[in-house]
Amino acid sequence: MISTYDEEADAVYIYVKYPIKKGESKTQLSLDEYPIILDFDKKDRLLGIEVLNASKVLNKEFLKEAKRID
């Protein structure tokens, strides 16, 4: 599984499918209780998971292993 971390936005993206082609994500579902957004394709298959406020939600080891985005 591939994950990326944008330190400035404090957001992690966990790819279920990699790479995600431009325009492939058709539906987003935001989970109200958590700062999490799920991306789905047109057949409702999960493509990826975005975690906002990642440094507060995920453990530091996971963040260290994620690829950094500049």
Protein backbone atom coordinates (compact mmCIF):
# COMPACT_ATOMS: atom_id res chain seq x y z
CA MET A 1 0.00 0.00 0.00
CA ILE A 2 1.28 3.45 -0.88
CA SER A 3 0.67 6.50 1.26
CA THR A 4 1.73 10.11 0.87
CA TYR A 5 1.96 12.88 3.45
CA ASP A 6 1.59 16.59 2.76
CA GLU A 7 3.08 18.16 5.88
CA GLU A 8 1.89 21.68 5.02
CA ALA A 9 -1.73 20.51 4.67
CA ASP A 10 -1.24 17.88 7.41
CA ALA A 11 -2.99 15.37 5.16
CA VAL A 12 -2.24 11.73 4.37
CA TYR A 13 -3.52 9.97 1.27
CA ILE A 14 -3.65 6.18 1.39
CA TYR A 15 -3.92 4.64 -2.05
CA VAL A 16 -6.04 1.52 -2.37
CA LYS A 17 -5.43 1.72 -6.13
CA TYR A 18 -2.25 3.25 -7.46
CA PRO A 19 -1.97 5.28 -9.52
CA ILE A 20 -5.34 6.96 -9.67
CA LYS A 21 -5.83 8.41 -13.14
CA LYS A 22 -6.96 11.98 -13.61
CA GLY A 23 -10.77 12.10 -13.44
CA GLU A 24 -11.04 8.52 -12.19
CA SER A 25 -12.40 9.57 -8.79
CA LYS A 26 -16.11 10.18 -9.32
CA THR A 27 -17.54 10.23 -5.79
CA GLN A 28 -16.24 11.43 -2.45
CA LEU A 29 -17.71 10.50 0.90
CA SER A 30 -16.79 12.58 3.92
CA LEU A 31 -17.09 10.86 7.27
CA ASP A 32 -18.58 13.45 9.62
CA GLU A 33 -17.20 12.04 12.86
CA TYR A 34 -13.63 11.93 11.57
CA PRO A 35 -11.52 14.08 9.26
CA ILE A 36 -11.58 11.36 6.59
CA ILE A 37 -12.61 11.46 2.92
CA LEU A 38 -13.14 8.32 0.84
CA ASP A 39 -12.67 8.45 -2.96
CA PHE A 40 -14.63 6.05 -5.19
CA ASP A 41 -14.64 5.36 -8.92
CA LYS A 42 -17.74 5.23 -11.15
CA LYS A 43 -18.36 1.59 -10.14
CA ASP A 44 -18.25 2.56 -6.43
CA ARG A 45 -14.86 0.89 -5.89
CA LEU A 46 -12.71 2.50 -3.22
CA LEU A 47 -9.67 4.22 -4.73
CA GLY A 48 -8.17 5.93 -1.72
CA ILE A 49 -8.56 7.44 1.70
CA GLU A 50 -7.59 10.98 2.66
CA VAL A 51 -6.96 11.67 6.33
CA LEU A 52 -6.99 15.33 7.37
CA ASN A 53 -5.30 16.55 10.57
CA ALA A 54 -3.12 13.49 10.09
CA SER A 55 -0.59 14.34 12.79
CA LYS A 56 -3.41 14.31 15.35
CA VAL A 57 -5.16 11.18 14.03
CA LEU A 58 -2.38 8.82 12.87
CA ASN A 59 0.61 7.52 14.79
CA LYS A 60 4.02 9.06 14.13
CA GLU A 61 5.50 5.85 12.72
CA PHE A 62 2.90 5.77 9.97
CA LEU A 63 3.64 9.40 9.10
CA LYS A 64 7.39 8.69 8.97
CA GLU A 65 6.84 5.88 6.48
CA ALA A 66 4.58 7.90 4.17
CA LYS A 67 6.17 9.47 1.09
CA ARG A 68 6.56 13.23 1.57
CA ILE A 69 4.92 15.62 -0.88
CA ASP A 70 6.69 18.93 -1.47
